[in-house]
Amino acid sequence: MSFKVRGQRVAIIGGGEEALNKVRLIAKTTAQVVIVSRQIEADFSGFAVEVHERRFVPSDLDGVVLVFVAEQGADAELAKATARARNIPLNVVDVPAECDFYTPSIVDRAPLTVAISTEGDAPVLARLVRARIEAMLPPGFGKMAGLAGGLRKRVESLIHTGPARRRFYEALVSSPQVEAAVAASPIAGRFAAEVLLEQHQTAGASAGIVWLIGAGPGSEDLLTLRAQRLLQQADVIVHDQLVPDVVVQMGRRDAEQISVGKAKGHHSFSQAQINTLIVRLAGEGKKVARLKSGDPMVFGRAGEEISALRKAGIQYQIVPGVSAALAAAADTATPVTLRKVSSGFIMATAHGADDSDLTHWAALAQAGLTLALYMGKSIASEVARRLVAHGASPSTPVGIVVNAGRPQMTTYSGNLSSLIAWDDILADGPAIIFVGEAVAAGDWSNAAQLAAQNFKVA
């Protein structure tokens, strides 16, 4: 339940941090707040409240509709007894058994409010759940709710069936164009909504959209808040093989899931087929999450998919993700740019690299830049040999991270010379190969050694 306190008096007995926490909550309403305590310790100056530094007297509850007791002692006991005698709802902070009501954790997207309560048993759990819901609802969601409310009568007059109105409102609250317009100004938001409404009248159905979403390196807690939110809105999730199932399952339960299974040596879908698929799905009015490992704009062939979507006139949005090289740098505390050592960071694919690429990379490594080579695990020794042949120093530090950002992450350390001599097999999974002087500054203390000759672990 929500308790109506507009213009009403709410009393807080206590002057410490717990009382301040309650003030922060009640200050979101239009209630008149009065604070009574013999010792005012917290700073209430930023809030429009009455503060009385004195003992509590029963008349302090005259005209009060809610009472919070946030301290202990004789005054607290008298306040509790007075509230109960007058049948005023009472909340005793951190004492659930004495409470008539509980204050939930709040997700505030006014006019939309989400409350999470454990009835006082586990407030920390309530805060964790709140954080997850916060991640699902963008900061401007309240403005979208207000916009939808303002359009209600007009939508009812123009769209006459319930299912059609529902489709319109789903399109409204998930439209990136309307969201951006609302953030700019109410007038711009209303205009964008009117355009969308006109499209619905003309087409009779919602327009499809494709979200190209970066799934990160594999751990679900490295997914961005925006990616998580859009997965919950998607009708269809089209995902690559490298995206773990736990990430795919973060989408709506009723969302269709289509694996386009692109792996080395096995492509169940060609890129052209994927392009045709996402265009067709969006053309049917569906919201499509095109889920890619890492970041969609880094070796994700997003450019080809964007081109196909543009040609077909399909709306799209790019959602960045944590690229594997950045996850690998974080896993090993490797500063890929380091003052007086490395002034830059190069991401490149080793697969299919020709001599001109290797010559360029060798020169960059010699100049102090850090290389992050993708898709080169099976040819790592050959790449190292060619880098040295094209001028890179054999002693240049090398670090390899397999399954970056995942629980089964494995690391290897050495230098170009030792990698050339390496004849063992790296762990199964995608790998990032770092090459450069800055690599030696990382934490490779638990890394398997590529050979006896290695750089000193910092």
Protein backbone atom coordinates (compact mmCIF):
# COMPACT_ATOMS: atom_id res chain seq x y z
CA MET A 1 0.00 0.00 0.00
CA SER A 2 0.98 3.61 -0.47
CA PHE A 3 0.09 5.96 2.40
CA LYS A 4 -1.20 9.40 1.44
CA VAL A 5 0.82 12.05 3.34
CA ARG A 6 0.38 15.12 1.13
CA GLY A 7 0.19 18.13 3.44
CA GLN A 8 0.18 15.88 6.53
CA ARG A 9 2.60 15.92 9.48
CA VAL A 10 5.11 13.09 9.95
CA ALA A 11 7.13 12.89 13.19
CA ILE A 12 10.63 11.47 13.53
CA ILE A 13 11.95 10.89 17.04
CA GLY A 14 15.74 10.85 16.85
CA GLY A 15 18.57 13.08 15.68
CA GLY A 16 21.16 10.67 14.32
CA GLU A 17 22.00 8.93 11.06
CA GLU A 18 18.94 6.66 11.15
CA ALA A 19 16.68 9.68 11.49
CA LEU A 20 18.45 11.32 8.55
CA ASN A 21 17.85 8.22 6.42
CA LYS A 22 14.12 8.48 7.13
CA VAL A 23 14.16 12.18 6.28
CA ARG A 24 15.75 11.37 2.91
CA LEU A 25 12.86 8.99 2.22
CA ILE A 26 10.02 11.24 3.40
CA ALA A 27 11.51 14.31 1.71
CA LYS A 28 10.48 12.74 -1.62
CA THR A 29 6.87 13.45 -0.59
CA THR A 30 5.05 16.70 0.25
CA ALA A 31 4.61 15.79 3.92
CA GLN A 32 5.51 18.24 6.72
CA VAL A 33 8.33 16.60 8.69
CA VAL A 34 9.05 17.38 12.34
CA ILE A 35 12.18 16.04 14.10
CA VAL A 36 12.43 15.84 17.89
CA SER A 37 15.52 14.73 19.81
CA ARG A 38 17.51 15.86 22.81
CA GLN A 39 20.69 15.52 20.74
CA ILE A 40 20.72 16.51 17.05
CA GLU A 41 23.83 14.92 15.54
CA ALA A 42 22.98 14.61 11.84
CA ASP A 43 22.90 17.53 9.40
CA PHE A 44 19.29 18.18 8.38
CA SER A 45 20.02 21.61 6.88
CA GLY A 46 19.49 20.41 3.31
CA PHE A 47 15.86 19.48 3.96
CA ALA A 48 12.70 21.51 4.61
CA VAL A 49 12.00 20.07 8.06
CA GLU A 50 11.23 21.34 11.55
CA VAL A 51 14.00 20.43 14.01
CA HIS A 52 13.46 20.60 17.79
CA GLU A 53 16.48 19.82 19.97
CA ARG A 54 14.70 19.00 23.21
CA ARG A 55 12.93 16.17 24.99
CA PHE A 56 9.86 14.60 23.42
CA VAL A 57 6.41 15.54 24.75
CA PRO A 58 3.09 13.87 23.75
CA SER A 59 1.83 17.06 22.10
CA ASP A 60 4.54 16.58 19.44
CA LEU A 61 2.22 13.99 17.90
CA ASP A 62 -0.76 16.31 17.60
CA GLY A 63 -2.01 16.14 14.02
CA VAL A 64 0.65 13.57 13.05
CA VAL A 65 -0.30 10.71 10.68
CA LEU A 66 2.93 8.64 10.84
CA VAL A 67 5.59 8.24 13.52
CA PHE A 68 9.18 7.02 13.09
CA VAL A 69 11.23 6.24 16.21
CA ALA A 70 14.93 6.28 15.31
CA GLU A 71 16.60 6.30 18.75
CA GLN A 72 16.45 4.53 22.10
CA GLY A 73 15.78 5.73 25.61
CA ALA A 74 12.96 7.25 27.66
CA ASP A 75 11.84 9.66 24.94
CA ALA A 76 11.62 6.80 22.42
CA GLU A 77 9.50 4.71 24.79
CA LEU A 78 7.16 7.63 25.50
CA ALA A 79 6.80 8.35 21.77
CA LYS A 80 5.96 4.69 21.04
CA ALA A 81 3.40 4.56 23.83
CA THR A 82 1.79 7.83 22.72
CA ALA A 83 1.57 6.69 19.08
CA ARG A 84 -0.05 3.40 20.07
CA ALA A 85 -2.51 5.12 22.40
CA ARG A 86 -3.59 7.41 19.58
CA ASN A 87 -3.60 4.63 16.93
CA ILE A 88 -0.99 6.45 14.83
CA PRO A 89 0.93 4.03 12.56
CA LEU A 90 4.40 3.49 14.07
CA ASN A 91 7.76 2.45 12.63
CA VAL A 92 10.56 1.61 15.05
CA VAL A 93 13.80 1.60 13.07
CA ASP A 94 15.52 -1.82 12.95
CA VAL A 95 12.93 -3.41 15.29
CA PRO A 96 10.47 -5.15 12.93
CA ALA A 97 8.45 -6.69 15.78
CA GLU A 98 7.45 -3.23 17.00
CA CYS A 99 6.51 -1.83 13.60
CA ASP A 100 2.99 -1.26 12.33
CA PHE A 101 4.41 -0.66 8.84
CA TYR A 102 7.72 -1.00 7.02
CA THR A 103 9.53 1.40 4.70
CA PRO A 104 10.49 -0.39 1.49
CA SER A 105 13.47 0.19 -0.75
CA ILE A 106 12.27 2.55 -3.47
CA VAL A 107 13.02 2.75 -7.17
CA ASP A 108 11.90 6.27 -7.96
CA ARG A 109 10.96 6.99 -11.57
CA ALA A 110 8.17 9.43 -10.76
CA PRO A 111 5.32 9.08 -11.52
CA LEU A 112 6.37 5.42 -11.57
CA THR A 113 7.44 4.03 -8.20
CA VAL A 114 8.60 0.49 -7.45
CA ALA A 115 8.76 -0.59 -3.79
CA ILE A 116 10.64 -3.66 -2.52
CA SER A 117 10.03 -4.90 1.00
CA THR A 118 11.11 -7.93 3.03
CA GLU A 119 8.88 -6.88 5.96
CA GLY A 120 11.94 -5.87 7.90
CA ASP A 121 13.62 -9.28 7.75
CA ALA A 122 16.37 -8.57 5.22
CA PRO A 123 16.74 -4.89 4.27
CA VAL A 124 20.13 -5.57 2.64
CA LEU A 125 18.48 -8.08 0.29
CA ALA A 126 15.81 -5.51 -0.55
CA ARG A 127 18.53 -3.04 -1.51
CA LEU A 128 20.20 -5.63 -3.77
CA VAL A 129 16.89 -6.34 -5.51
CA ARG A 130 16.37 -2.61 -5.84
CA ALA A 131 19.74 -2.31 -7.59
CA ARG A 132 18.68 -4.94 -10.14
CA ILE A 133 15.41 -3.17 -10.84
CA GLU A 134 17.26 0.16 -11.11
CA ALA A 135 19.37 -1.46 -13.83
CA MET A 136 16.25 -2.42 -15.78
CA LEU A 137 14.65 1.02 -15.69
CA PRO A 138 16.50 3.89 -17.38
CA PRO A 139 16.76 7.19 -15.45
CA GLY A 140 14.30 8.91 -17.77
CA PHE A 141 11.65 6.21 -17.48
CA GLY A 142 9.48 8.38 -15.26
CA LYS A 143 9.30 11.03 -17.97
CA MET A 144 8.19 8.31 -20.38
CA ALA A 145 5.45 7.31 -17.93
CA GLY A 146 4.31 10.92 -17.68
CA LEU A 147 4.29 11.21 -21.47
CA ALA A 148 2.21 8.04 -21.80
CA GLY A 149 -0.27 9.39 -19.25
CA GLY A 150 -0.60 12.66 -21.13
CA LEU A 151 -1.36 10.79 -24.36
CA ARG A 152 -3.95 8.46 -22.87
CA LYS A 153 -7.15 10.18 -24.07
CA ARG A 154 -5.73 10.89 -27.51
CA VAL A 155 -4.58 7.29 -27.96
CA GLU A 156 -8.01 5.98 -26.91
CA SER A 157 -9.70 8.25 -29.46
CA LEU A 158 -7.44 7.12 -32.31
CA ILE A 159 -6.69 3.46 -31.53
CA HIS A 160 -9.88 1.61 -30.72
CA THR A 161 -8.78 -1.89 -29.70
CA GLY A 162 -6.98 -2.91 -26.53
CA PRO A 163 -4.27 -5.05 -28.21
CA ALA A 164 -3.45 -2.27 -30.68
CA ARG A 165 -3.16 0.27 -27.86
CA ARG A 166 -0.93 -2.11 -25.93
CA ARG A 167 1.39 -2.47 -28.93
CA PHE A 168 1.58 1.29 -29.27
CA TYR A 169 2.47 1.82 -25.61
CA GLU A 170 5.11 -0.95 -25.79
CA ALA A 171 6.62 0.79 -28.81
CA LEU A 172 6.42 4.16 -27.06
CA VAL A 173 8.27 3.19 -23.88
CA SER A 174 10.93 1.19 -25.75
CA SER A 175 11.61 3.72 -28.52
CA PRO A 176 15.15 5.16 -28.33
CA GLN A 177 14.01 8.12 -30.43
CA VAL A 178 11.20 9.02 -28.04
CA GLU A 179 13.45 8.40 -25.02
CA ALA A 180 16.06 10.80 -26.39
CA ALA A 181 13.41 13.39 -27.26
CA VAL A 182 11.83 13.24 -23.79
CA ALA A 183 15.26 13.73 -22.23
CA ALA A 184 15.70 16.87 -24.34
CA SER A 185 12.37 18.50 -23.48
CA PRO A 186 8.68 17.69 -22.86
CA ILE A 187 7.73 19.38 -26.15
CA ALA A 188 10.24 17.31 -28.14
CA GLY A 189 9.04 14.16 -26.38
CA ARG A 190 5.40 14.89 -27.22
CA PHE A 191 6.28 15.56 -30.85
CA ALA A 192 8.23 12.27 -31.15
CA ALA A 193 5.32 10.40 -29.54
CA GLU A 194 2.85 11.98 -31.98
CA VAL A 195 5.03 10.85 -34.90
CA LEU A 196 5.06 7.32 -33.51
CA LEU A 197 1.29 7.44 -33.00
CA GLU A 198 0.80 8.50 -36.62
CA GLN A 199 3.00 5.61 -37.76
CA HIS A 200 0.87 3.18 -35.78
CA GLN A 201 -2.31 4.51 -37.33
CA THR A 202 -0.82 4.18 -40.80
CA ALA A 203 0.88 0.81 -40.37
CA GLY A 204 -1.56 -0.67 -37.89
CA ALA A 205 1.30 -2.32 -36.02
CA SER A 206 4.47 -1.46 -34.18
CA ALA A 207 7.63 -0.76 -36.13
CA GLY A 208 10.44 -3.22 -35.58
CA ILE A 209 13.89 -2.34 -34.31
CA VAL A 210 17.24 -4.11 -34.00
CA TRP A 211 19.49 -3.55 -31.01
CA LEU A 212 23.11 -4.55 -31.69
CA ILE A 213 24.13 -5.40 -28.14
CA GLY A 214 27.60 -6.09 -26.79
CA ALA A 215 27.35 -9.06 -24.40
CA GLY A 216 30.81 -8.45 -22.95
CA PRO A 217 33.38 -11.21 -22.47
CA GLY A 218 30.95 -13.70 -20.95
CA SER A 219 30.21 -12.93 -17.30
CA GLU A 220 26.65 -11.73 -16.88
CA ASP A 221 27.67 -9.10 -14.31
CA LEU A 222 29.80 -7.36 -16.97
CA LEU A 223 26.72 -6.70 -19.09
CA THR A 224 25.81 -3.01 -19.24
CA LEU A 225 22.62 -1.77 -17.59
CA ARG A 226 21.25 -0.74 -20.99
CA ALA A 227 21.94 -4.17 -22.47
CA GLN A 228 20.18 -5.84 -19.56
CA ARG A 229 17.15 -3.59 -19.95
CA LEU A 230 16.83 -4.10 -23.70
CA LEU A 231 17.16 -7.87 -23.40
CA GLN A 232 14.07 -7.74 -21.19
CA GLN A 233 12.20 -5.90 -23.95
CA ALA A 234 13.28 -8.03 -26.91
CA ASP A 235 10.84 -10.31 -28.74
CA VAL A 236 13.70 -12.21 -30.37
CA ILE A 237 17.32 -12.73 -29.28
CA VAL A 238 19.72 -13.55 -32.12
CA HIS A 239 23.02 -14.55 -30.53
CA ASP A 240 26.47 -15.75 -31.47
CA GLN A 241 27.93 -19.01 -30.21
CA LEU A 242 30.46 -17.26 -27.94
CA VAL A 243 27.67 -15.60 -25.92
CA PRO A 244 27.16 -17.83 -22.83
CA ASP A 245 23.70 -19.24 -22.22
CA VAL A 246 23.49 -17.47 -18.85
CA VAL A 247 23.62 -14.13 -20.69
CA VAL A 248 21.06 -15.20 -23.28
CA GLN A 249 18.73 -16.28 -20.46
CA MET A 250 18.74 -12.73 -19.09
CA GLY A 251 16.20 -11.92 -21.79
CA ARG A 252 12.45 -12.29 -21.45
CA ARG A 253 11.35 -15.86 -20.78
CA ASP A 254 8.96 -15.80 -23.71
CA ALA A 255 11.48 -14.27 -26.14
CA GLU A 256 12.41 -16.42 -29.12
CA GLN A 257 16.09 -17.41 -29.07
CA ILE A 258 17.99 -17.99 -32.31
CA SER A 259 21.61 -19.14 -32.26
CA VAL A 260 23.49 -18.13 -35.37
CA GLY A 261 26.43 -20.22 -34.15
CA LYS A 262 29.48 -18.66 -35.75
CA ALA A 263 32.59 -20.45 -34.49
CA LYS A 264 36.00 -21.09 -36.00
CA GLY A 265 35.69 -23.62 -38.78
CA HIS A 266 31.91 -23.87 -38.47
CA HIS A 267 29.38 -21.26 -39.55
CA SER A 268 25.79 -22.50 -39.18
CA PHE A 269 24.71 -19.11 -40.58
CA SER A 270 26.63 -17.06 -43.11
CA GLN A 271 26.88 -13.32 -42.49
CA ALA A 272 24.51 -12.71 -45.41
CA GLN A 273 21.95 -15.06 -43.83
CA ILE A 274 22.25 -13.26 -40.49
CA ASN A 275 21.69 -9.92 -42.22
CA THR A 276 18.58 -11.29 -43.95
CA LEU A 277 17.30 -12.81 -40.70
CA ILE A 278 17.46 -9.66 -38.57
CA VAL A 279 15.98 -7.53 -41.35
CA ARG A 280 13.08 -9.99 -41.76
CA LEU A 281 12.39 -10.18 -38.02
CA ALA A 282 12.38 -6.42 -37.57
CA GLY A 283 10.28 -6.08 -40.72
CA GLU A 284 7.65 -8.20 -38.96
CA GLY A 285 7.44 -5.53 -36.27
CA LYS A 286 9.56 -7.40 -33.73
CA LYS A 287 12.11 -5.97 -31.31
CA VAL A 288 15.31 -7.86 -32.07
CA ALA A 289 18.29 -8.14 -29.74
CA ARG A 290 21.33 -8.99 -31.89
CA LEU A 291 23.59 -10.22 -29.10
CA LYS A 292 27.32 -10.27 -29.85
CA SER A 293 30.28 -11.28 -27.71
CA GLY A 294 32.41 -8.38 -26.48
CA ASP A 295 31.62 -5.08 -28.19
CA PRO A 296 29.59 -5.19 -31.43
CA MET A 297 31.84 -2.60 -33.09
CA VAL A 298 35.09 -4.48 -32.38
CA PHE A 299 35.52 -7.48 -34.71
CA GLY A 300 31.78 -8.07 -34.50
CA ARG A 301 30.98 -7.45 -38.21
CA ALA A 302 28.39 -4.95 -37.04
CA GLY A 303 29.19 -2.72 -40.01
CA GLU A 304 27.75 -5.26 -42.45
CA GLU A 305 24.58 -5.69 -40.38
CA ILE A 306 24.14 -1.92 -40.01
CA SER A 307 24.48 -1.54 -43.77
CA ALA A 308 21.74 -4.13 -44.35
CA LEU A 309 19.46 -2.47 -41.79
CA ARG A 310 19.96 0.96 -43.33
CA LYS A 311 19.23 -0.38 -46.80
CA ALA A 312 15.99 -1.92 -45.54
CA GLY A 313 14.97 1.21 -43.62
CA ILE A 314 15.00 -0.64 -40.27
CA GLN A 315 15.62 1.27 -37.04
CA TYR A 316 18.67 0.17 -35.07
CA GLN A 317 20.62 1.10 -31.96
CA ILE A 318 24.17 0.20 -30.87
CA VAL A 319 24.73 -0.87 -27.26
CA PRO A 320 28.45 -1.05 -26.40
CA GLY A 321 29.93 -3.92 -24.44
CA VAL A 322 33.18 -4.74 -22.64
CA SER A 323 35.58 -5.95 -25.32
CA ALA A 324 37.68 -9.02 -24.53
CA ALA A 325 40.96 -7.06 -24.59
CA LEU A 326 39.70 -4.68 -21.90
CA ALA A 327 38.47 -7.61 -19.80
CA ALA A 328 41.84 -9.31 -20.21
CA ALA A 329 43.65 -6.14 -19.13
CA ALA A 330 41.42 -5.94 -16.05
CA ASP A 331 41.88 -9.63 -15.20
CA THR A 332 45.67 -9.23 -15.18
CA ALA A 333 45.87 -5.62 -13.93
CA THR A 334 47.76 -4.79 -17.12
CA PRO A 335 47.92 -1.05 -17.87
CA VAL A 336 47.83 -1.19 -21.67
CA THR A 337 48.76 2.50 -21.69
CA LEU A 338 51.46 3.43 -19.20
CA ARG A 339 53.18 6.76 -18.75
CA LYS A 340 56.74 6.78 -20.13
CA VAL A 341 56.27 3.18 -21.35
CA SER A 342 53.23 2.86 -23.64
CA SER A 343 51.46 5.84 -25.19
CA GLY A 344 48.88 3.82 -27.09
CA PHE A 345 46.93 0.60 -27.41
CA ILE A 346 46.23 -1.28 -30.66
CA MET A 347 43.50 -3.90 -31.09
CA ALA A 348 43.98 -6.09 -34.15
CA THR A 349 43.07 -9.54 -35.44
CA ALA A 350 45.97 -11.90 -36.02
CA HIS A 351 43.85 -14.21 -38.15
CA GLY A 352 44.70 -13.62 -41.79
CA ALA A 353 47.33 -10.96 -41.07
CA ASP A 354 49.79 -10.48 -43.96
CA ASP A 355 53.42 -9.32 -43.97
CA SER A 356 52.49 -5.64 -44.18
CA ASP A 357 50.38 -6.04 -41.02
CA LEU A 358 53.21 -7.79 -39.19
CA THR A 359 55.74 -5.17 -40.25
CA HIS A 360 53.43 -2.44 -38.97
CA TRP A 361 52.77 -4.22 -35.66
CA ALA A 362 56.47 -4.88 -35.10
CA ALA A 363 57.21 -1.19 -35.59
CA LEU A 364 54.43 -0.22 -33.17
CA ALA A 365 55.72 -2.64 -30.53
CA GLN A 366 59.22 -1.26 -30.95
CA ALA A 367 57.78 2.27 -30.52
CA GLY A 368 56.33 1.25 -27.16
CA LEU A 369 52.68 0.72 -28.06
CA THR A 370 50.78 -2.26 -26.63
CA LEU A 371 49.28 -4.77 -29.07
CA ALA A 372 46.14 -6.76 -28.23
CA LEU A 373 45.78 -9.50 -30.82
CA TYR A 374 42.44 -11.25 -31.25
CA MET A 375 41.80 -14.60 -32.96
CA GLY A 376 45.44 -15.63 -32.98
CA LYS A 377 45.62 -18.48 -30.47
CA SER A 378 46.19 -21.28 -32.97
CA ILE A 379 48.92 -19.31 -34.76
CA ALA A 380 50.44 -17.57 -31.72
CA SER A 381 53.95 -19.02 -32.18
CA GLU A 382 53.94 -18.21 -35.88
CA VAL A 383 52.81 -14.63 -35.23
CA ALA A 384 55.58 -14.20 -32.63
CA ARG A 385 58.16 -15.55 -35.08
CA ARG A 386 57.04 -13.18 -37.83
CA LEU A 387 56.99 -10.18 -35.46
CA VAL A 388 60.61 -10.85 -34.54
CA ALA A 389 61.47 -11.38 -38.21
CA HIS A 390 60.00 -7.96 -38.98
CA GLY A 391 62.04 -6.16 -36.34
CA ALA A 392 60.36 -6.63 -32.95
CA SER A 393 62.76 -7.42 -30.09
CA PRO A 394 62.71 -11.10 -29.02
CA SER A 395 62.65 -9.91 -25.38
CA THR A 396 59.37 -7.97 -25.84
CA PRO A 397 56.99 -9.12 -23.06
CA VAL A 398 53.99 -11.24 -23.99
CA GLY A 399 50.91 -12.10 -21.96
CA ILE A 400 48.05 -14.34 -23.07
CA VAL A 401 44.60 -14.41 -21.47
CA VAL A 402 42.20 -17.20 -22.41
CA ASN A 403 38.51 -16.75 -21.50
CA ALA A 404 38.96 -13.18 -20.30
CA GLY A 405 36.29 -11.98 -17.90
CA ARG A 406 35.07 -15.52 -17.15
CA PRO A 407 35.51 -17.75 -14.08
CA GLN A 408 37.61 -20.25 -16.09
CA MET A 409 40.10 -17.54 -17.15
CA THR A 410 43.67 -18.84 -17.76
CA THR A 411 46.84 -16.79 -18.25
CA TYR A 412 50.29 -17.34 -19.74
CA SER A 413 53.35 -15.10 -19.62
CA GLY A 414 56.63 -14.90 -21.47
CA ASN A 415 58.21 -12.93 -24.28
CA LEU A 416 58.26 -13.18 -28.06
CA SER A 417 61.26 -15.51 -27.97
CA SER A 418 59.62 -17.93 -25.54
CA LEU A 419 56.33 -17.82 -27.44
CA ILE A 420 58.16 -18.82 -30.62
CA ALA A 421 59.53 -21.88 -28.83
CA TRP A 422 56.17 -22.72 -27.19
CA ASP A 423 54.94 -26.09 -28.47
CA ASP A 424 52.21 -26.87 -25.93
CA ILE A 425 48.47 -26.24 -26.29
CA LEU A 426 46.75 -23.23 -24.76
CA ALA A 427 43.55 -23.69 -22.76
CA ASP A 428 40.31 -24.01 -24.68
CA GLY A 429 38.46 -20.76 -25.33
CA PRO A 430 38.96 -17.37 -27.00
CA ALA A 431 42.32 -15.72 -26.31
CA ILE A 432 43.82 -12.24 -26.23
CA ILE A 433 47.57 -11.96 -26.86
CA PHE A 434 49.20 -8.86 -25.38
CA VAL A 435 52.56 -7.76 -26.79
CA GLY A 436 54.50 -4.77 -25.49
CA GLU A 437 56.66 -3.37 -22.71
CA ALA A 438 53.63 -2.34 -20.63
CA VAL A 439 52.63 -6.01 -20.32
CA ALA A 440 55.44 -6.51 -17.79
CA ALA A 441 53.67 -4.12 -15.41
CA GLY A 442 50.65 -6.43 -15.14
CA ASP A 443 50.01 -9.08 -12.52
CA TRP A 444 51.01 -12.35 -14.12
CA SER A 445 52.03 -14.06 -10.86
CA ASN A 446 49.65 -16.98 -11.41
CA ALA A 447 50.32 -17.28 -15.13
CA ALA A 448 51.72 -20.44 -16.70
CA GLN A 449 55.19 -19.79 -18.08
CA LEU A 450 55.59 -20.03 -21.83
CA ALA A 451 59.24 -21.02 -21.38
CA ALA A 452 62.08 -20.71 -18.92
CA GLN A 453 63.07 -17.27 -20.23
CA ASN A 454 60.41 -14.79 -19.09
CA PHE A 455 60.08 -11.17 -18.15
CA LYS A 456 60.12 -10.28 -14.47
CA VAL A 457 56.63 -10.26 -12.98
CA ALA A 458 55.83 -6.87 -11.41
